[in-house]
Amino acid sequence: MKFFKLSGIVMLIAAFALTAFAKDVKDEKVAAVVEGKKIYMSEVNNVLESVMARQGMHSSQIDLNSPKMQQVKKSIVENLVNRELLMLASLKNKPEDLEKKVEEEYNRVKSRFKNDKDFENALEKNQMDSAQLKEQLRKNVLLDSYVKNIESGIKISDKEAKKYYENNKDKFKQPEKAKVSHIILRTGEKAKYEKPEKKINEIYKEIKNGKSFEEMAKKYSEDGSAKKGGNLGYIQKGRTVPSFEKVAFDTKVGNISEPFKTKFGYHILKVTDKQEAGQKTFDEMKSSIKEVLKNQKMKEKLNAKLKELRSKYDVKINL
């Protein structure tokens, strides 16, 4: 079963960005209460569906009542509680241009629809009116502004970044890579052709006679890379099946392999670039390291603020 992790910061920010189209939940189970403000299970489920959708998943693919999914739901509830706590804090730090930003967000949401009628229908379908939508957007703007204000005070020096680099050099090793495109014909139950081995050899012959590899991939390849001319991007040694990897790294840049078989089917590979193994320099990684350190400090600051707010306000979690 495919599963996913929830990063605290990512989920917290995702909670800020919850769709403004929230349905009426007055009669539903209460998952938590923050200073009298109720958080309903439908809000929890909305976030869960949003997270799954971002990862290409659907609720029909997994058991929503499994122990792992119950843990995910608990994590979501914690994040929604954190959202409400930060909401209380943000109300004391309203930006001067709050209403202007709310109007901009309202117009941005409205612009997603073809016309006013479609927009009004969406509001009606979700049991909302314009005022309720603006109120939800106002909360989102307040939270976003509050978090950005905390973030703006975080500065990472070159010295800090350099120290992190020196202490974590193994993280910046560049493995050997090959940039490849392929054409794949499935075998077994997923086979499209009665004799895929014969068909892949016919395709290979056409390519050798001058047909474009990319066009042949778009026409015949049987996976998601077909629409990109078979482009799989860079693969690293040790990250894919040995039979595929061997051909990828044995084939010279610019060359096309003969047909070969893996457990997935019959392939033809085209190698378009290679990168030798090595160590990425500090200058190459400096901006990325600063981003990592900034996120770490942001998490620490938010956690400290949330601890303070939990001691100040009444919080009850029912899940």
Protein backbone atom coordinates (compact mmCIF):
# COMPACT_ATOMS: atom_id res chain seq x y z
CA MET A 1 0.00 0.00 0.00
CA LYS A 2 1.33 3.42 -0.92
CA PHE A 3 1.64 5.63 2.15
CA PHE A 4 2.78 9.15 2.87
CA LYS A 5 4.33 11.18 5.68
CA LEU A 6 3.08 14.48 6.99
CA SER A 7 5.72 17.11 7.64
CA GLY A 8 4.69 19.37 10.51
CA ILE A 9 5.55 22.58 8.70
CA VAL A 10 4.06 21.43 5.41
CA MET A 11 0.84 20.33 7.07
CA LEU A 12 0.63 23.51 9.09
CA ILE A 13 0.94 25.67 6.00
CA ALA A 14 -1.45 23.35 4.15
CA ALA A 15 -3.92 23.96 6.94
CA PHE A 16 -3.67 27.70 6.29
CA ALA A 17 -4.48 27.11 2.65
CA LEU A 18 -7.59 25.02 3.20
CA THR A 19 -10.14 25.56 0.50
CA ALA A 20 -12.44 28.42 1.27
CA PHE A 21 -15.35 26.30 0.12
CA ALA A 22 -16.08 24.64 3.47
CA LYS A 23 -19.49 23.04 3.80
CA ASP A 24 -21.85 23.49 6.74
CA VAL A 25 -20.70 21.12 9.51
CA LYS A 26 -22.85 22.10 12.48
CA ASP A 27 -24.24 18.60 13.12
CA GLU A 28 -21.00 16.70 12.60
CA LYS A 29 -18.61 15.11 15.08
CA VAL A 30 -16.32 17.56 16.81
CA ALA A 31 -12.66 16.53 16.50
CA ALA A 32 -11.28 19.28 18.75
CA VAL A 33 -12.15 22.54 20.47
CA VAL A 34 -9.79 25.52 20.76
CA GLU A 35 -10.94 28.31 23.10
CA GLY A 36 -14.57 27.48 22.22
CA LYS A 37 -13.92 27.19 18.45
CA LYS A 38 -14.99 23.75 17.20
CA ILE A 39 -13.03 21.78 14.61
CA TYR A 40 -15.23 19.27 12.81
CA MET A 41 -14.30 15.89 11.33
CA SER A 42 -15.29 17.13 7.88
CA GLU A 43 -12.43 19.66 8.09
CA VAL A 44 -10.06 16.82 8.97
CA ASN A 45 -11.30 14.77 6.03
CA ASN A 46 -11.00 17.75 3.66
CA VAL A 47 -7.33 18.15 4.56
CA LEU A 48 -6.74 14.40 4.22
CA GLU A 49 -8.27 14.34 0.74
CA SER A 50 -6.24 17.40 -0.28
CA VAL A 51 -2.96 15.82 0.89
CA MET A 52 -3.77 12.54 -0.89
CA ALA A 53 -4.66 14.38 -4.09
CA ARG A 54 -1.31 16.19 -4.09
CA GLN A 55 0.39 12.81 -3.92
CA GLY A 56 -1.68 11.30 -6.72
CA MET A 57 -3.83 9.21 -4.39
CA HIS A 58 -7.56 8.76 -3.85
CA SER A 59 -9.46 7.65 -0.75
CA SER A 60 -10.67 4.56 -2.64
CA GLN A 61 -7.05 3.32 -2.83
CA ILE A 62 -6.50 3.01 0.92
CA ASP A 63 -8.21 1.84 4.11
CA LEU A 64 -9.16 5.07 5.87
CA ASN A 65 -9.81 3.15 9.11
CA SER A 66 -6.39 1.48 9.30
CA PRO A 67 -4.15 2.28 12.31
CA LYS A 68 -1.77 4.23 10.07
CA MET A 69 -4.54 6.38 8.66
CA GLN A 70 -5.87 7.01 12.16
CA GLN A 71 -2.43 8.35 13.04
CA VAL A 72 -2.53 10.57 9.96
CA LYS A 73 -5.92 11.92 11.03
CA LYS A 74 -4.59 12.64 14.53
CA SER A 75 -1.69 14.52 12.97
CA ILE A 76 -4.13 16.55 10.89
CA VAL A 77 -6.21 17.39 13.97
CA GLU A 78 -3.06 18.57 15.77
CA ASN A 79 -2.26 20.82 12.82
CA LEU A 80 -5.78 22.22 12.70
CA VAL A 81 -5.55 22.95 16.42
CA ASN A 82 -2.24 24.71 15.75
CA ARG A 83 -3.93 26.69 13.01
CA GLU A 84 -6.59 27.94 15.42
CA LEU A 85 -3.99 28.83 18.05
CA LEU A 86 -1.99 30.85 15.53
CA MET A 87 -5.24 32.39 14.35
CA LEU A 88 -5.82 33.71 17.87
CA ALA A 89 -2.29 35.14 17.93
CA SER A 90 -2.61 36.65 14.45
CA LEU A 91 -5.75 38.58 15.42
CA LYS A 92 -3.51 40.74 17.60
CA ASN A 93 -1.13 41.44 14.73
CA LYS A 94 -3.36 42.44 11.83
CA PRO A 95 -1.57 43.85 8.76
CA GLU A 96 -2.60 47.38 7.81
CA ASP A 97 -3.54 46.32 4.29
CA LEU A 98 -5.60 43.31 5.45
CA GLU A 99 -8.80 44.20 3.61
CA LYS A 100 -6.89 44.98 0.41
CA LYS A 101 -5.23 41.56 0.53
CA VAL A 102 -8.57 39.86 1.24
CA GLU A 103 -10.10 41.55 -1.80
CA GLU A 104 -7.14 40.45 -3.95
CA GLU A 105 -7.54 36.84 -2.76
CA TYR A 106 -11.30 36.99 -3.34
CA ASN A 107 -10.76 38.17 -6.93
CA ARG A 108 -8.10 35.49 -7.45
CA VAL A 109 -10.52 32.75 -6.35
CA LYS A 110 -13.28 34.23 -8.48
CA SER A 111 -11.00 34.36 -11.54
CA ARG A 112 -10.74 30.56 -11.51
CA PHE A 113 -14.30 30.37 -12.80
CA LYS A 114 -15.42 31.04 -16.36
CA ASN A 115 -18.08 33.53 -15.35
CA ASP A 116 -20.01 34.98 -12.42
CA LYS A 117 -22.74 32.35 -12.74
CA ASP A 118 -20.27 29.47 -12.31
CA PHE A 119 -18.78 31.24 -9.31
CA GLU A 120 -22.19 31.75 -7.71
CA ASN A 121 -23.11 28.12 -8.37
CA ALA A 122 -19.92 26.98 -6.64
CA LEU A 123 -20.73 29.13 -3.62
CA GLU A 124 -24.28 27.78 -3.49
CA LYS A 125 -23.10 24.18 -3.88
CA ASN A 126 -20.81 24.63 -0.89
CA GLN A 127 -23.47 26.41 1.15
CA MET A 128 -21.61 29.72 1.24
CA ASP A 129 -22.14 33.30 0.23
CA SER A 130 -19.60 35.96 -0.71
CA ALA A 131 -19.37 37.29 2.85
CA GLN A 132 -18.57 33.84 4.25
CA LEU A 133 -15.97 33.26 1.56
CA LYS A 134 -14.30 36.59 2.35
CA GLU A 135 -14.28 35.74 6.05
CA GLN A 136 -12.46 32.47 5.35
CA LEU A 137 -10.02 34.28 3.08
CA ARG A 138 -9.49 36.89 5.78
CA LYS A 139 -8.40 34.14 8.17
CA ASN A 140 -6.04 32.70 5.58
CA VAL A 141 -4.47 36.12 4.93
CA LEU A 142 -4.07 36.76 8.67
CA LEU A 143 -2.35 33.42 9.22
CA ASP A 144 -0.14 33.77 6.18
CA SER A 145 0.89 37.28 7.23
CA TYR A 146 1.62 36.15 10.79
CA VAL A 147 3.84 33.26 9.66
CA LYS A 148 5.67 35.40 7.10
CA ASN A 149 6.34 37.97 9.80
CA ILE A 150 8.05 35.29 11.91
CA GLU A 151 9.93 34.04 8.87
CA SER A 152 11.19 37.51 7.94
CA GLY A 153 13.18 37.69 11.16
CA ILE A 154 15.17 34.53 10.36
CA LYS A 155 18.56 35.11 8.80
CA ILE A 156 21.12 32.42 7.96
CA SER A 157 24.75 33.53 7.65
CA ASP A 158 27.31 32.07 5.26
CA LYS A 159 29.23 30.90 8.33
CA GLU A 160 26.25 28.85 9.58
CA ALA A 161 25.72 27.36 6.14
CA LYS A 162 29.41 26.51 5.78
CA LYS A 163 29.44 24.75 9.16
CA TYR A 164 26.42 22.67 8.14
CA TYR A 165 28.13 21.74 4.88
CA GLU A 166 31.35 20.66 6.62
CA ASN A 167 29.42 18.57 9.16
CA ASN A 168 27.21 16.89 6.54
CA LYS A 169 29.46 16.33 3.53
CA ASP A 170 28.03 12.87 2.91
CA LYS A 171 24.69 14.51 2.08
CA PHE A 172 26.29 16.39 -0.79
CA LYS A 173 27.90 13.52 -2.63
CA GLN A 174 26.95 13.46 -6.30
CA PRO A 175 26.22 9.87 -7.38
CA GLU A 176 26.84 8.74 -10.93
CA LYS A 177 23.81 9.57 -13.06
CA ALA A 178 22.54 8.88 -16.55
CA LYS A 179 19.79 10.82 -18.31
CA VAL A 180 17.68 8.36 -20.27
CA SER A 181 14.58 8.04 -22.38
CA HIS A 182 12.91 4.73 -23.10
CA ILE A 183 10.26 2.92 -25.04
CA ILE A 184 8.56 0.16 -23.08
CA LEU A 185 6.16 -2.55 -24.21
CA ARG A 186 4.48 -4.38 -21.34
CA THR A 187 4.48 -8.15 -20.93
CA GLY A 188 2.17 -10.57 -19.12
CA GLU A 189 -1.37 -9.50 -18.22
CA LYS A 190 -0.64 -5.86 -19.09
CA ALA A 191 0.67 -6.70 -22.56
CA LYS A 192 -0.90 -4.68 -25.38
CA TYR A 193 0.69 -6.74 -28.14
CA GLU A 194 0.36 -10.50 -28.55
CA LYS A 195 4.10 -10.71 -29.26
CA PRO A 196 5.75 -7.69 -27.55
CA GLU A 197 9.27 -9.00 -28.21
CA LYS A 198 8.59 -9.05 -31.96
CA LYS A 199 7.00 -5.58 -31.83
CA ILE A 200 9.87 -3.98 -29.89
CA ASN A 201 12.32 -5.32 -32.49
CA GLU A 202 10.22 -3.82 -35.28
CA ILE A 203 10.24 -0.45 -33.49
CA TYR A 204 14.01 -0.68 -33.00
CA LYS A 205 14.49 -1.39 -36.71
CA GLU A 206 12.42 1.68 -37.65
CA ILE A 207 14.52 3.88 -35.33
CA LYS A 208 17.75 2.54 -36.82
CA ASN A 209 16.33 3.36 -40.27
CA GLY A 210 15.87 7.01 -39.30
CA LYS A 211 12.59 7.31 -37.39
CA SER A 212 12.65 9.73 -34.43
CA PHE A 213 13.11 7.95 -31.10
CA GLU A 214 10.93 10.55 -29.38
CA GLU A 215 8.10 10.22 -31.90
CA MET A 216 8.22 6.43 -31.68
CA ALA A 217 8.11 6.67 -27.88
CA LYS A 218 5.03 8.89 -28.06
CA LYS A 219 3.38 6.46 -30.45
CA TYR A 220 4.25 3.10 -28.87
CA SER A 221 5.59 3.40 -25.32
CA GLU A 222 3.22 2.10 -22.64
CA ASP A 223 3.90 4.27 -19.60
CA GLY A 224 3.51 7.88 -18.48
CA SER A 225 6.79 8.97 -20.07
CA ALA A 226 5.37 8.40 -23.57
CA LYS A 227 3.89 11.91 -23.80
CA LYS A 228 7.38 13.30 -23.05
CA GLY A 229 9.01 11.30 -25.81
CA GLY A 230 10.04 8.62 -23.33
CA ASN A 231 12.07 11.01 -21.15
CA LEU A 232 12.70 9.56 -17.68
CA GLY A 233 15.17 12.21 -16.56
CA TYR A 234 18.27 11.26 -14.58
CA ILE A 235 18.57 7.88 -12.88
CA GLN A 236 21.13 7.08 -10.18
CA LYS A 237 23.13 3.92 -9.75
CA GLY A 238 21.48 1.59 -7.28
CA ARG A 239 18.05 3.22 -7.60
CA THR A 240 16.50 1.06 -10.32
CA VAL A 241 16.40 -2.61 -11.38
CA PRO A 242 19.88 -3.99 -12.22
CA SER A 243 18.98 -5.11 -15.76
CA PHE A 244 17.76 -1.58 -16.64
CA GLU A 245 20.63 0.13 -14.84
CA LYS A 246 23.31 -1.94 -16.59
CA VAL A 247 22.09 -0.95 -20.05
CA ALA A 248 21.70 2.71 -19.02
CA PHE A 249 25.26 3.02 -17.76
CA ASP A 250 26.84 0.80 -20.43
CA THR A 251 25.31 2.76 -23.31
CA LYS A 252 27.31 5.78 -24.50
CA VAL A 253 25.80 9.28 -24.53
CA GLY A 254 23.88 9.85 -27.75
CA ASN A 255 23.47 6.13 -28.45
CA ILE A 256 20.38 3.92 -28.48
CA SER A 257 20.43 0.46 -26.92
CA GLU A 258 19.26 -2.72 -28.53
CA PRO A 259 15.96 -4.05 -27.15
CA PHE A 260 16.24 -5.77 -23.77
CA LYS A 261 13.92 -7.19 -21.16
CA THR A 262 13.26 -6.37 -17.48
CA LYS A 263 10.49 -7.55 -15.17
CA PHE A 264 8.43 -4.59 -16.44
CA GLY A 265 8.59 -5.44 -20.13
CA TYR A 266 10.73 -4.89 -23.23
CA HIS A 267 12.70 -1.65 -23.50
CA ILE A 268 14.76 0.42 -25.88
CA LEU A 269 16.93 3.04 -24.16
CA LYS A 270 18.34 6.32 -25.40
CA VAL A 271 21.07 7.92 -23.26
CA THR A 272 21.25 11.70 -23.60
CA ASP A 273 23.65 12.69 -20.79
CA LYS A 274 25.83 11.34 -17.98
CA GLN A 275 27.20 12.85 -14.79
CA GLU A 276 30.20 11.41 -13.00
CA ALA A 277 30.14 10.70 -9.27
CA GLY A 278 31.69 13.44 -7.15
CA GLN A 279 31.27 15.92 -4.31
CA LYS A 280 29.06 18.97 -4.72
CA THR A 281 30.85 22.14 -3.63
CA PHE A 282 29.69 24.49 -0.89
CA ASP A 283 29.06 27.24 -3.43
CA GLU A 284 26.79 24.91 -5.41
CA MET A 285 24.80 23.98 -2.31
CA LYS A 286 24.89 27.22 -0.29
CA SER A 287 21.43 28.49 -1.21
CA SER A 288 19.85 25.06 -0.64
CA ILE A 289 21.59 24.70 2.73
CA LYS A 290 20.38 28.14 3.81
CA GLU A 291 16.84 27.13 2.91
CA VAL A 292 17.14 23.94 5.00
CA LEU A 293 18.49 25.86 7.99
CA LYS A 294 15.85 28.55 7.61
CA ASN A 295 13.11 25.90 7.66
CA GLN A 296 14.64 24.34 10.76
CA LYS A 297 14.69 27.67 12.59
CA MET A 298 11.17 28.44 11.42
CA LYS A 299 9.97 25.13 12.82
CA GLU A 300 11.67 25.82 16.15
CA LYS A 301 10.13 29.29 16.38
CA LEU A 302 6.65 28.03 15.50
CA ASN A 303 6.89 25.14 17.97
CA ALA A 304 7.97 27.55 20.73
CA LYS A 305 5.09 29.89 19.91
CA LEU A 306 2.58 27.02 19.83
CA LYS A 307 3.80 25.74 23.19
CA GLU A 308 3.24 29.22 24.62
CA LEU A 309 -0.23 29.45 23.06
CA ARG A 310 -1.28 26.01 24.32
CA SER A 311 -0.50 27.09 27.85
CA LYS A 312 -2.51 30.26 27.36
CA TYR A 313 -5.66 28.95 25.65
CA ASP A 314 -8.06 26.06 26.38
CA VAL A 315 -7.54 23.12 24.01
CA LYS A 316 -9.49 19.86 23.93
CA ILE A 317 -8.87 17.08 21.39
CA ASN A 318 -11.51 14.35 20.99
CA LEU A 319 -9.87 12.12 18.37
